[in-house]
Every structure is written in C-alpha cells, then in structure tokens.
Amino acid sequence: MARRFDAIEGIGALELNVSCPNIKEGGAQFGTDVQLLAQVVAACRRATSLPLITKLSPNVVSIAPYARAAAEAGSDALAIMNSYPAMAIDIQTRKPRLANVTGGLTGPCIKPIAIKLVWEAAAAVKIPIIGMGGIQNAADAIEFLMAGASAVAVGTATFYEPQTAFQVLAGVKDFLRRQGLRDVRELVGAVLAQPARD
C-alpha cells in the first residue's frame, strides 16, 4: 500500500496505523510488539519516499521503546495515541452494544492517558509527535503541546461540533497572545517536571 500511495500525486504523508482496535488482524499485534513494529515501519520506509507517521498503541507498559523503534526504523513522526480497546453491554438483551463486540474508546475520557504517553514518548525521541485523544478546546490542545507534542489532531469533537478545530486554533492563538509568546513552538515540551504544590 505504501508503494502504491507513493506513486499518487497529491498525497502529503502516510499514517501507519499499527494499532487499530476495531479490526480483527489474525492475532498480529504490530503495535504491541517492538520487533514487528520496527519491521512494518522499515518495510514501508523502503517502499515510499513520503513522510511516515506511525500511530502508536496505548496498550503497552511503556511507550518509550515503541517510539524509539519506530523512529529508528524510519518513521518521520509519531501519532499518539490510538483509541483504547473497550466494550459495552446492553443489560436488557445481554449482548454487546457493538457488532464487533469490542471497539475503540476515544474522546475526552482518554485525554489524560494520551497526554501521559505523549510526555513519555517526547522524552524518548527527537522526531515530531502529533498528540490526539479527547481534544475539545484550546486548553486541551495546549496540554498536549506542553507535554511534548509538536502538533495536535481533533477527532471525536468534530462529530458534534464541526468547527472545533478552528475554535482550538483561535484559542491557542489567544493563549499565546495573553502569555506574551510569539511562536507556538515555545509551548512544546514546556511542562514543568514537578507538579505544583500548595
């Protein structure tokens, strides 16, 4: 697929989703096996000259080894994080609410997990990180930036408010102005290592 897309004009980059929880992949968990992850990224790197963005799985003990493996295999950036595997049951029918039985949980509830993973990955690699997971407003986006993301993505919120991405952008610009900052890059990785104390 990477080779095919490489030949199509107008495509700016490829995202390698090695951790989608919504499909059955015959037991292969590319996103939770460091060696398989590296092999997939390296194979795609050989097949395309397009920038590669590897979307990492949250289902690991530590994300740092996976971030490093992807970077060393040729990924140009990381997307953190994917949705979290979850399940819901209809108590009246006693059946799973999803046709696939389980699926990916996303939205505001996963934001703290995603921010932690971005922070850990940013300490492990030098390549850019796109932070995602529950961003609904500028403050959410700024948290991701301060954790170490170079960019953010707005997903679930656009389903109920299609203008969310524009609102986030405007809010970030306003925050920069109020903070006396000239460039959004001044926020990247700006979190203080120790929590605030009373």
N, C-alpha and C. Protein backbone atom coordinates (compact mmCIF):
# COMPACT_ATOMS: atom_id res chain seq x y z
N MET A 1 0.83 -1.21 0.00
CA MET A 1 0.00 0.00 0.00
C MET A 1 0.86 1.26 0.00
N ALA A 2 1.93 1.25 0.78
CA ALA A 2 2.82 2.42 0.82
C ALA A 2 3.40 2.69 -0.56
N ARG A 3 3.78 1.63 -1.24
CA ARG A 3 4.36 1.77 -2.58
C ARG A 3 3.33 2.35 -3.55
N ARG A 4 2.09 1.90 -3.44
CA ARG A 4 1.04 2.42 -4.32
C ARG A 4 0.78 3.90 -4.08
N PHE A 5 0.68 4.27 -2.81
CA PHE A 5 0.42 5.68 -2.49
C PHE A 5 1.59 6.57 -2.88
N ASP A 6 2.79 6.02 -2.88
CA ASP A 6 3.97 6.79 -3.24
C ASP A 6 3.87 7.31 -4.67
N ALA A 7 3.14 6.59 -5.50
CA ALA A 7 3.03 6.95 -6.92
C ALA A 7 1.86 7.88 -7.21
N ILE A 8 1.07 8.19 -6.21
CA ILE A 8 -0.11 9.04 -6.42
C ILE A 8 0.21 10.48 -6.09
N GLU A 9 -0.01 11.36 -7.04
CA GLU A 9 0.27 12.77 -6.83
C GLU A 9 -0.74 13.39 -5.85
N GLY A 10 -0.25 14.25 -4.98
CA GLY A 10 -1.13 14.97 -4.08
C GLY A 10 -1.19 14.42 -2.67
N ILE A 11 -0.60 13.26 -2.42
CA ILE A 11 -0.58 12.70 -1.07
C ILE A 11 0.64 13.25 -0.34
N GLY A 12 0.41 13.84 0.83
CA GLY A 12 1.49 14.52 1.55
C GLY A 12 2.25 13.65 2.53
N ALA A 13 1.61 12.60 3.05
CA ALA A 13 2.24 11.74 4.05
C ALA A 13 1.40 10.49 4.22
N LEU A 14 1.98 9.48 4.85
CA LEU A 14 1.26 8.25 5.15
C LEU A 14 1.25 8.03 6.66
N GLU A 15 0.08 7.69 7.19
CA GLU A 15 -0.01 7.31 8.59
C GLU A 15 -0.10 5.79 8.66
N LEU A 16 0.81 5.19 9.41
CA LEU A 16 0.81 3.75 9.61
C LEU A 16 0.07 3.45 10.90
N ASN A 17 -1.18 3.04 10.78
CA ASN A 17 -1.98 2.72 11.96
C ASN A 17 -1.70 1.27 12.34
N VAL A 18 -0.72 1.09 13.21
CA VAL A 18 -0.29 -0.27 13.59
C VAL A 18 -1.04 -0.76 14.82
N SER A 19 -2.10 -0.07 15.21
CA SER A 19 -2.73 -0.42 16.48
C SER A 19 -4.24 -0.26 16.49
N CYS A 20 -4.89 -0.39 15.34
CA CYS A 20 -6.33 -0.18 15.30
C CYS A 20 -7.07 -1.26 16.07
N PRO A 21 -7.86 -0.87 17.10
CA PRO A 21 -8.57 -1.86 17.90
C PRO A 21 -9.89 -2.32 17.30
N ASN A 22 -10.26 -1.75 16.15
CA ASN A 22 -11.58 -2.02 15.58
C ASN A 22 -11.61 -3.14 14.55
N ILE A 23 -10.48 -3.73 14.26
CA ILE A 23 -10.44 -4.78 13.25
C ILE A 23 -9.80 -6.04 13.81
N LYS A 24 -10.15 -7.16 13.19
CA LYS A 24 -9.52 -8.42 13.57
C LYS A 24 -8.38 -8.64 12.60
N GLU A 25 -7.17 -8.78 13.13
CA GLU A 25 -6.00 -8.86 12.27
C GLU A 25 -5.29 -10.20 12.38
N GLY A 26 -6.05 -11.24 12.72
CA GLY A 26 -5.46 -12.57 12.75
C GLY A 26 -4.47 -12.77 13.87
N GLY A 27 -4.58 -11.96 14.91
CA GLY A 27 -3.70 -12.14 16.06
C GLY A 27 -2.42 -11.33 16.01
N ALA A 28 -2.10 -10.73 14.89
CA ALA A 28 -0.87 -9.94 14.79
C ALA A 28 -1.07 -8.58 15.45
N GLN A 29 -0.30 -8.31 16.47
CA GLN A 29 -0.41 -7.05 17.19
C GLN A 29 0.83 -6.22 16.89
N PHE A 30 0.86 -5.59 15.72
CA PHE A 30 2.04 -4.83 15.31
C PHE A 30 2.39 -3.74 16.31
N GLY A 31 1.36 -3.14 16.92
CA GLY A 31 1.61 -2.01 17.80
C GLY A 31 2.09 -2.38 19.19
N THR A 32 2.03 -3.67 19.55
CA THR A 32 2.46 -4.06 20.89
C THR A 32 3.63 -5.04 20.86
N ASP A 33 4.26 -5.16 19.71
CA ASP A 33 5.46 -5.99 19.57
C ASP A 33 6.54 -5.11 18.95
N VAL A 34 7.57 -4.80 19.70
CA VAL A 34 8.60 -3.85 19.24
C VAL A 34 9.23 -4.31 17.94
N GLN A 35 9.54 -5.59 17.83
CA GLN A 35 10.20 -6.09 16.62
C GLN A 35 9.29 -6.02 15.41
N LEU A 36 8.02 -6.44 15.57
CA LEU A 36 7.07 -6.35 14.45
C LEU A 36 6.85 -4.89 14.05
N LEU A 37 6.74 -4.02 15.02
CA LEU A 37 6.57 -2.59 14.74
C LEU A 37 7.73 -2.07 13.90
N ALA A 38 8.94 -2.39 14.31
CA ALA A 38 10.12 -1.94 13.57
C ALA A 38 10.13 -2.50 12.16
N GLN A 39 9.75 -3.75 12.00
CA GLN A 39 9.73 -4.38 10.67
C GLN A 39 8.72 -3.71 9.75
N VAL A 40 7.53 -3.42 10.29
CA VAL A 40 6.50 -2.77 9.48
C VAL A 40 6.95 -1.38 9.03
N VAL A 41 7.47 -0.59 9.97
CA VAL A 41 7.91 0.76 9.63
C VAL A 41 9.07 0.71 8.63
N ALA A 42 10.03 -0.18 8.85
CA ALA A 42 11.18 -0.29 7.94
C ALA A 42 10.74 -0.70 6.55
N ALA A 43 9.78 -1.63 6.45
CA ALA A 43 9.30 -2.08 5.13
C ALA A 43 8.62 -0.92 4.40
N CYS A 44 7.82 -0.15 5.12
CA CYS A 44 7.16 1.00 4.50
C CYS A 44 8.16 2.09 4.13
N ARG A 45 9.17 2.25 4.97
CA ARG A 45 10.20 3.25 4.70
C ARG A 45 10.93 2.93 3.39
N ARG A 46 11.18 1.63 3.16
CA ARG A 46 11.84 1.22 1.91
C ARG A 46 10.94 1.40 0.70
N ALA A 47 9.63 1.35 0.92
CA ALA A 47 8.68 1.37 -0.19
C ALA A 47 8.23 2.76 -0.60
N THR A 48 8.49 3.77 0.22
CA THR A 48 7.98 5.11 -0.10
C THR A 48 8.96 6.20 0.29
N SER A 49 8.87 7.29 -0.43
CA SER A 49 9.66 8.47 -0.09
C SER A 49 8.79 9.48 0.67
N LEU A 50 7.51 9.17 0.81
CA LEU A 50 6.60 10.06 1.55
C LEU A 50 6.93 10.07 3.04
N PRO A 51 6.65 11.15 3.73
CA PRO A 51 6.83 11.15 5.19
C PRO A 51 5.95 10.09 5.83
N LEU A 52 6.50 9.38 6.81
CA LEU A 52 5.76 8.34 7.51
C LEU A 52 5.43 8.79 8.93
N ILE A 53 4.16 8.64 9.29
CA ILE A 53 3.70 8.94 10.65
C ILE A 53 3.20 7.62 11.23
N THR A 54 3.83 7.16 12.30
CA THR A 54 3.41 5.90 12.91
C THR A 54 2.48 6.18 14.09
N LYS A 55 1.27 5.62 14.02
CA LYS A 55 0.28 5.81 15.08
C LYS A 55 0.44 4.68 16.09
N LEU A 56 0.91 5.04 17.28
CA LEU A 56 1.25 4.03 18.28
C LEU A 56 0.06 3.59 19.13
N SER A 57 0.21 2.39 19.68
CA SER A 57 -0.82 1.82 20.54
C SER A 57 -0.65 2.28 21.99
N PRO A 58 -1.76 2.48 22.71
CA PRO A 58 -1.67 2.80 24.13
C PRO A 58 -1.53 1.54 24.99
N ASN A 59 -1.65 0.37 24.38
CA ASN A 59 -1.71 -0.89 25.12
C ASN A 59 -0.34 -1.49 25.38
N VAL A 60 0.54 -0.68 25.95
CA VAL A 60 1.89 -1.14 26.26
C VAL A 60 2.26 -0.67 27.66
N VAL A 61 3.19 -1.36 28.28
CA VAL A 61 3.63 -0.98 29.63
C VAL A 61 4.35 0.36 29.59
N SER A 62 5.23 0.51 28.62
CA SER A 62 5.97 1.76 28.42
C SER A 62 6.02 2.07 26.93
N ILE A 63 5.65 3.27 26.57
CA ILE A 63 5.61 3.62 25.14
C ILE A 63 7.00 3.97 24.59
N ALA A 64 7.95 4.28 25.45
CA ALA A 64 9.27 4.74 25.00
C ALA A 64 9.95 3.76 24.04
N PRO A 65 10.02 2.46 24.34
CA PRO A 65 10.69 1.54 23.41
C PRO A 65 10.03 1.49 22.03
N TYR A 66 8.71 1.65 22.00
CA TYR A 66 7.98 1.62 20.73
C TYR A 66 8.22 2.90 19.94
N ALA A 67 8.27 4.01 20.64
CA ALA A 67 8.57 5.28 19.99
C ALA A 67 9.96 5.24 19.39
N ARG A 68 10.92 4.74 20.16
CA ARG A 68 12.30 4.64 19.65
C ARG A 68 12.39 3.68 18.47
N ALA A 69 11.71 2.54 18.56
CA ALA A 69 11.75 1.55 17.48
C ALA A 69 11.20 2.14 16.18
N ALA A 70 10.10 2.86 16.28
CA ALA A 70 9.51 3.48 15.09
C ALA A 70 10.44 4.53 14.50
N ALA A 71 11.02 5.35 15.36
CA ALA A 71 11.94 6.40 14.89
C ALA A 71 13.17 5.79 14.24
N GLU A 72 13.75 4.80 14.88
CA GLU A 72 14.96 4.17 14.34
C GLU A 72 14.70 3.42 13.04
N ALA A 73 13.46 2.94 12.85
CA ALA A 73 13.12 2.21 11.62
C ALA A 73 12.77 3.14 10.47
N GLY A 74 12.68 4.44 10.75
CA GLY A 74 12.46 5.38 9.66
C GLY A 74 11.21 6.21 9.72
N SER A 75 10.46 6.13 10.80
CA SER A 75 9.26 6.97 10.93
C SER A 75 9.68 8.43 11.08
N ASP A 76 9.00 9.31 10.37
CA ASP A 76 9.33 10.74 10.43
C ASP A 76 8.63 11.45 11.57
N ALA A 77 7.53 10.85 12.05
CA ALA A 77 6.77 11.43 13.15
C ALA A 77 5.96 10.32 13.80
N LEU A 78 5.42 10.63 14.97
CA LEU A 78 4.56 9.69 15.69
C LEU A 78 3.20 10.32 15.92
N ALA A 79 2.15 9.51 15.88
CA ALA A 79 0.81 9.95 16.26
C ALA A 79 0.46 9.21 17.54
N ILE A 80 0.16 9.97 18.59
CA ILE A 80 -0.12 9.38 19.90
C ILE A 80 -1.37 10.04 20.46
N MET A 81 -2.43 9.33 20.71
CA MET A 81 -2.47 7.89 20.70
C MET A 81 -3.68 7.39 19.94
N ASN A 82 -3.76 6.10 19.77
CA ASN A 82 -4.93 5.50 19.15
C ASN A 82 -6.01 5.33 20.22
N SER A 83 -7.20 4.95 19.79
CA SER A 83 -8.28 4.70 20.74
C SER A 83 -7.95 3.50 21.61
N TYR A 84 -8.63 3.42 22.73
CA TYR A 84 -8.34 2.38 23.72
C TYR A 84 -9.39 1.27 23.59
N PRO A 85 -8.97 0.00 23.51
CA PRO A 85 -9.94 -1.09 23.37
C PRO A 85 -10.93 -1.09 24.53
N ALA A 86 -12.21 -1.22 24.20
CA ALA A 86 -13.24 -1.15 25.24
C ALA A 86 -14.47 -1.95 24.81
N MET A 87 -15.42 -2.05 25.73
CA MET A 87 -16.61 -2.84 25.47
C MET A 87 -17.79 -2.26 26.25
N ALA A 88 -18.99 -2.40 25.70
CA ALA A 88 -20.21 -2.01 26.39
C ALA A 88 -21.25 -3.10 26.17
N ILE A 89 -22.09 -3.33 27.20
CA ILE A 89 -23.09 -4.38 27.13
C ILE A 89 -24.48 -3.80 27.35
N ASP A 90 -25.41 -4.21 26.51
CA ASP A 90 -26.82 -3.86 26.68
C ASP A 90 -27.38 -4.80 27.74
N ILE A 91 -27.72 -4.28 28.91
CA ILE A 91 -28.13 -5.17 30.01
C ILE A 91 -29.50 -5.79 29.79
N GLN A 92 -30.30 -5.22 28.89
CA GLN A 92 -31.62 -5.80 28.61
C GLN A 92 -31.50 -7.01 27.69
N THR A 93 -30.68 -6.90 26.68
CA THR A 93 -30.51 -8.02 25.74
C THR A 93 -29.36 -8.94 26.13
N ARG A 94 -28.49 -8.45 27.06
CA ARG A 94 -27.30 -9.19 27.48
C ARG A 94 -26.32 -9.40 26.34
N LYS A 95 -26.37 -8.51 25.38
CA LYS A 95 -25.48 -8.60 24.22
C LYS A 95 -24.57 -7.38 24.16
N PRO A 96 -23.38 -7.54 23.54
CA PRO A 96 -22.51 -6.38 23.36
C PRO A 96 -23.21 -5.32 22.52
N ARG A 97 -22.96 -4.07 22.84
CA ARG A 97 -23.58 -2.97 22.09
C ARG A 97 -22.94 -2.80 20.70
N LEU A 98 -21.71 -3.28 20.53
CA LEU A 98 -21.01 -3.15 19.26
C LEU A 98 -21.07 -4.45 18.47
N ALA A 99 -21.27 -4.34 17.17
CA ALA A 99 -21.33 -5.54 16.32
C ALA A 99 -20.02 -6.32 16.37
N ASN A 100 -18.92 -5.60 16.57
CA ASN A 100 -17.61 -6.24 16.63
C ASN A 100 -17.27 -6.71 18.05
N VAL A 101 -18.21 -6.61 18.97
CA VAL A 101 -18.11 -6.95 20.38
C VAL A 101 -17.28 -5.91 21.14
N THR A 102 -16.05 -5.68 20.72
CA THR A 102 -15.23 -4.63 21.32
C THR A 102 -14.89 -3.60 20.26
N GLY A 103 -14.48 -2.42 20.70
CA GLY A 103 -14.12 -1.36 19.76
C GLY A 103 -13.24 -0.33 20.43
N GLY A 104 -12.95 0.72 19.73
CA GLY A 104 -12.04 1.73 20.25
C GLY A 104 -12.75 2.83 21.01
N LEU A 105 -12.37 3.01 22.27
CA LEU A 105 -12.90 4.09 23.10
C LEU A 105 -12.04 5.33 22.87
N THR A 106 -12.68 6.43 22.59
CA THR A 106 -11.95 7.67 22.35
C THR A 106 -12.74 8.83 22.92
N GLY A 107 -12.24 10.04 22.72
CA GLY A 107 -12.92 11.20 23.26
C GLY A 107 -12.29 11.68 24.55
N PRO A 108 -12.96 12.58 25.27
CA PRO A 108 -12.39 13.22 26.46
C PRO A 108 -11.88 12.27 27.54
N CYS A 109 -12.50 11.10 27.67
CA CYS A 109 -12.11 10.18 28.74
C CYS A 109 -10.69 9.64 28.58
N ILE A 110 -10.14 9.64 27.36
CA ILE A 110 -8.79 9.10 27.18
C ILE A 110 -7.71 10.17 27.19
N LYS A 111 -8.10 11.43 27.31
CA LYS A 111 -7.12 12.52 27.24
C LYS A 111 -5.98 12.41 28.24
N PRO A 112 -6.24 12.14 29.52
CA PRO A 112 -5.12 12.04 30.47
C PRO A 112 -4.13 10.92 30.12
N ILE A 113 -4.66 9.81 29.60
CA ILE A 113 -3.79 8.71 29.18
C ILE A 113 -2.93 9.15 28.00
N ALA A 114 -3.56 9.80 27.04
CA ALA A 114 -2.83 10.24 25.84
C ALA A 114 -1.75 11.26 26.19
N ILE A 115 -2.06 12.19 27.08
CA ILE A 115 -1.07 13.21 27.46
C ILE A 115 0.14 12.56 28.12
N LYS A 116 -0.10 11.59 28.99
CA LYS A 116 1.00 10.87 29.64
C LYS A 116 1.88 10.17 28.60
N LEU A 117 1.24 9.53 27.62
CA LEU A 117 2.01 8.81 26.60
C LEU A 117 2.82 9.77 25.72
N VAL A 118 2.23 10.91 25.39
CA VAL A 118 2.96 11.92 24.62
C VAL A 118 4.18 12.38 25.41
N TRP A 119 3.99 12.66 26.69
CA TRP A 119 5.08 13.12 27.55
C TRP A 119 6.21 12.10 27.60
N GLU A 120 5.85 10.83 27.76
CA GLU A 120 6.87 9.77 27.82
C GLU A 120 7.59 9.60 26.49
N ALA A 121 6.85 9.64 25.39
CA ALA A 121 7.46 9.48 24.07
C ALA A 121 8.36 10.66 23.72
N ALA A 122 7.93 11.86 24.10
CA ALA A 122 8.72 13.06 23.79
C ALA A 122 10.08 13.02 24.48
N ALA A 123 10.15 12.36 25.63
CA ALA A 123 11.43 12.23 26.33
C ALA A 123 12.32 11.17 25.70
N ALA A 124 11.73 10.33 24.84
CA ALA A 124 12.48 9.20 24.27
C ALA A 124 12.96 9.43 22.85
N VAL A 125 12.30 10.32 22.10
CA VAL A 125 12.65 10.52 20.69
C VAL A 125 12.75 12.00 20.35
N LYS A 126 13.39 12.27 19.23
CA LYS A 126 13.54 13.65 18.76
C LYS A 126 12.60 13.98 17.62
N ILE A 127 11.94 12.97 17.04
CA ILE A 127 11.04 13.24 15.92
C ILE A 127 9.75 13.88 16.42
N PRO A 128 9.03 14.60 15.55
CA PRO A 128 7.79 15.26 15.98
C PRO A 128 6.72 14.27 16.42
N ILE A 129 5.88 14.73 17.34
CA ILE A 129 4.76 13.93 17.84
C ILE A 129 3.48 14.70 17.59
N ILE A 130 2.48 14.01 17.03
CA ILE A 130 1.15 14.58 16.87
C ILE A 130 0.31 14.03 18.01
N GLY A 131 -0.14 14.90 18.90
CA GLY A 131 -0.93 14.48 20.04
C GLY A 131 -2.40 14.45 19.72
N MET A 132 -3.09 13.44 20.21
CA MET A 132 -4.53 13.32 19.96
C MET A 132 -5.18 12.47 21.03
N GLY A 133 -6.47 12.71 21.21
CA GLY A 133 -7.23 11.95 22.18
C GLY A 133 -8.00 12.87 23.10
N GLY A 134 -9.23 13.19 22.73
CA GLY A 134 -10.10 13.97 23.60
C GLY A 134 -9.95 15.47 23.54
N ILE A 135 -9.33 15.99 22.50
CA ILE A 135 -9.18 17.44 22.40
C ILE A 135 -10.51 18.07 22.01
N GLN A 136 -11.03 18.92 22.92
CA GLN A 136 -12.30 19.61 22.67
C GLN A 136 -12.15 21.13 22.59
N ASN A 137 -11.03 21.64 23.12
CA ASN A 137 -10.85 23.08 23.17
C ASN A 137 -9.36 23.42 23.19
N ALA A 138 -9.06 24.70 23.22
CA ALA A 138 -7.67 25.15 23.18
C ALA A 138 -6.87 24.66 24.38
N ALA A 139 -7.48 24.66 25.55
CA ALA A 139 -6.76 24.22 26.75
C ALA A 139 -6.31 22.77 26.61
N ASP A 140 -7.18 21.93 26.03
CA ASP A 140 -6.80 20.53 25.80
C ASP A 140 -5.59 20.45 24.88
N ALA A 141 -5.65 21.20 23.78
CA ALA A 141 -4.55 21.20 22.82
C ALA A 141 -3.25 21.68 23.45
N ILE A 142 -3.35 22.71 24.27
CA ILE A 142 -2.16 23.28 24.92
C ILE A 142 -1.53 22.27 25.88
N GLU A 143 -2.36 21.49 26.55
CA GLU A 143 -1.82 20.42 27.41
C GLU A 143 -0.95 19.47 26.59
N PHE A 144 -1.44 19.06 25.43
CA PHE A 144 -0.67 18.15 24.58
C PHE A 144 0.64 18.80 24.14
N LEU A 145 0.57 20.06 23.76
CA LEU A 145 1.78 20.77 23.34
C LEU A 145 2.79 20.84 24.48
N MET A 146 2.32 21.19 25.66
CA MET A 146 3.22 21.29 26.81
C MET A 146 3.81 19.94 27.19
N ALA A 147 3.09 18.86 26.90
CA ALA A 147 3.60 17.51 27.17
C ALA A 147 4.67 17.10 26.18
N GLY A 148 4.75 17.81 25.04
CA GLY A 148 5.79 17.50 24.07
C GLY A 148 5.34 17.29 22.64
N ALA A 149 4.03 17.42 22.39
CA ALA A 149 3.54 17.29 21.02
C ALA A 149 3.92 18.52 20.21
N SER A 150 4.27 18.30 18.94
CA SER A 150 4.57 19.41 18.03
C SER A 150 3.33 19.88 17.29
N ALA A 151 2.32 19.01 17.26
CA ALA A 151 1.05 19.31 16.59
C ALA A 151 -0.03 18.51 17.30
N VAL A 152 -1.28 18.85 17.03
CA VAL A 152 -2.39 18.11 17.61
C VAL A 152 -3.42 17.79 16.54
N ALA A 153 -4.25 16.80 16.84
CA ALA A 153 -5.33 16.42 15.93
C ALA A 153 -6.64 16.42 16.70
N VAL A 154 -7.68 16.93 16.06
CA VAL A 154 -9.01 16.95 16.67
C VAL A 154 -9.85 15.93 15.93
N GLY A 155 -10.42 14.98 16.68
CA GLY A 155 -11.20 13.93 16.04
C GLY A 155 -12.64 13.88 16.50
N THR A 156 -12.88 13.20 17.61
CA THR A 156 -14.24 12.94 18.09
C THR A 156 -15.08 14.22 18.22
N ALA A 157 -14.48 15.29 18.71
CA ALA A 157 -15.24 16.53 18.92
C ALA A 157 -15.86 17.07 17.64
N THR A 158 -15.25 16.77 16.49
CA THR A 158 -15.80 17.29 15.23
C THR A 158 -17.13 16.62 14.87
N PHE A 159 -17.43 15.47 15.48
CA PHE A 159 -18.71 14.83 15.21
C PHE A 159 -19.88 15.62 15.78
N TYR A 160 -19.67 16.28 16.92
CA TYR A 160 -20.76 17.06 17.49
C TYR A 160 -20.56 18.56 17.32
N GLU A 161 -19.35 19.00 16.94
CA GLU A 161 -19.11 20.41 16.64
C GLU A 161 -18.06 20.49 15.53
N PRO A 162 -18.51 20.54 14.28
CA PRO A 162 -17.59 20.52 13.14
C PRO A 162 -16.56 21.66 13.13
N GLN A 163 -16.83 22.73 13.87
CA GLN A 163 -15.92 23.87 13.90
C GLN A 163 -14.84 23.76 14.98
N THR A 164 -14.78 22.64 15.67
CA THR A 164 -13.88 22.50 16.82
C THR A 164 -12.43 22.84 16.47
N ALA A 165 -11.91 22.32 15.37
CA ALA A 165 -10.51 22.56 15.03
C ALA A 165 -10.22 24.05 14.87
N PHE A 166 -11.15 24.78 14.26
CA PHE A 166 -10.98 26.22 14.08
C PHE A 166 -11.04 26.95 15.43
N GLN A 167 -11.92 26.47 16.31
CA GLN A 167 -12.03 27.07 17.64
C GLN A 167 -10.76 26.82 18.45
N VAL A 168 -10.22 25.63 18.32
CA VAL A 168 -8.97 25.30 19.02
C VAL A 168 -7.85 26.21 18.53
N LEU A 169 -7.74 26.35 17.22
CA LEU A 169 -6.69 27.21 16.65
C LEU A 169 -6.81 28.64 17.16
N ALA A 170 -8.02 29.17 17.13
CA ALA A 170 -8.23 30.54 17.61
C ALA A 170 -7.89 30.65 19.10
N GLY A 171 -8.25 29.65 19.87
CA GLY A 171 -7.97 29.67 21.31
C GLY A 171 -6.49 29.59 21.63
N VAL A 172 -5.77 28.79 20.86
CA VAL A 172 -4.32 28.69 21.06
C VAL A 172 -3.66 30.03 20.73
N LYS A 173 -4.08 30.65 19.64
CA LYS A 173 -3.53 31.96 19.27
C LYS A 173 -3.80 32.99 20.37
N ASP A 174 -5.00 32.95 20.93
CA ASP A 174 -5.34 33.88 22.00
C ASP A 174 -4.49 33.62 23.25
N PHE A 175 -4.25 32.36 23.57
CA PHE A 175 -3.42 32.00 24.72
C PHE A 175 -1.99 32.52 24.53
N LEU A 176 -1.45 32.35 23.32
CA LEU A 176 -0.10 32.84 23.04
C LEU A 176 -0.03 34.35 23.24
N ARG A 177 -1.03 35.04 22.74
CA ARG A 177 -1.06 36.50 22.88
C ARG A 177 -1.10 36.90 24.36
N ARG A 178 -1.98 36.26 25.13
CA ARG A 178 -2.11 36.61 26.55
C ARG A 178 -0.87 36.24 27.36
N GLN A 179 -0.14 35.23 26.91
CA GLN A 179 1.07 34.81 27.60
C GLN A 179 2.32 35.58 27.13
N GLY A 180 2.14 36.41 26.11
CA GLY A 180 3.28 37.16 25.57
C GLY A 180 4.23 36.29 24.78
N LEU A 181 3.72 35.22 24.18
CA LEU A 181 4.55 34.30 23.39
C LEU A 181 4.36 34.60 21.91
N ARG A 182 5.43 34.45 21.15
CA ARG A 182 5.37 34.79 19.73
C ARG A 182 5.22 33.58 18.83
N ASP A 183 5.56 32.40 19.33
CA ASP A 183 5.56 31.20 18.50
C ASP A 183 5.02 30.04 19.30
N VAL A 184 4.13 29.25 18.70
CA VAL A 184 3.54 28.11 19.39
C VAL A 184 4.61 27.10 19.82
N ARG A 185 5.74 27.10 19.13
CA ARG A 185 6.82 26.16 19.50
C ARG A 185 7.37 26.44 20.89
N GLU A 186 7.10 27.62 21.42
CA GLU A 186 7.54 27.93 22.78
C GLU A 186 6.75 27.12 23.83
N LEU A 187 5.62 26.55 23.41
CA LEU A 187 4.82 25.73 24.32
C LEU A 187 5.23 24.26 24.30
N VAL A 188 5.88 23.83 23.21
CA VAL A 188 6.19 22.40 23.04
C VAL A 188 7.17 21.92 24.11
N GLY A 189 6.73 20.97 24.90
CA GLY A 189 7.57 20.42 25.97
C GLY A 189 7.75 21.35 27.14
N ALA A 190 6.88 22.34 27.28
CA ALA A 190 7.07 23.37 28.32
C ALA A 190 6.56 22.97 29.69
N VAL A 191 6.06 21.75 29.85
CA VAL A 191 5.56 21.33 31.16
C VAL A 191 6.71 21.29 32.16
N LEU A 192 6.45 21.73 33.37
CA LEU A 192 7.44 21.66 34.43
C LEU A 192 7.46 20.22 34.95
N ALA A 193 8.63 19.70 35.26
CA ALA A 193 8.76 18.29 35.62
C ALA A 193 8.04 17.94 36.92
N GLN A 194 8.01 18.87 37.87
CA GLN A 194 7.39 18.59 39.15
C GLN A 194 5.97 19.19 39.20
N PRO A 195 5.03 18.48 39.83
CA PRO A 195 3.68 19.04 39.95
C PRO A 195 3.66 20.25 40.87
N ALA A 196 2.67 21.10 40.68
CA ALA A 196 2.53 22.29 41.52
C ALA A 196 2.19 21.85 42.94
N ARG A 197 2.74 22.59 43.91
CA ARG A 197 2.47 22.28 45.32
C ARG A 197 1.78 23.46 45.98
N ASP A 198 0.90 23.17 46.92
CA ASP A 198 0.18 24.23 47.64
C ASP A 198 1.10 24.92 48.63
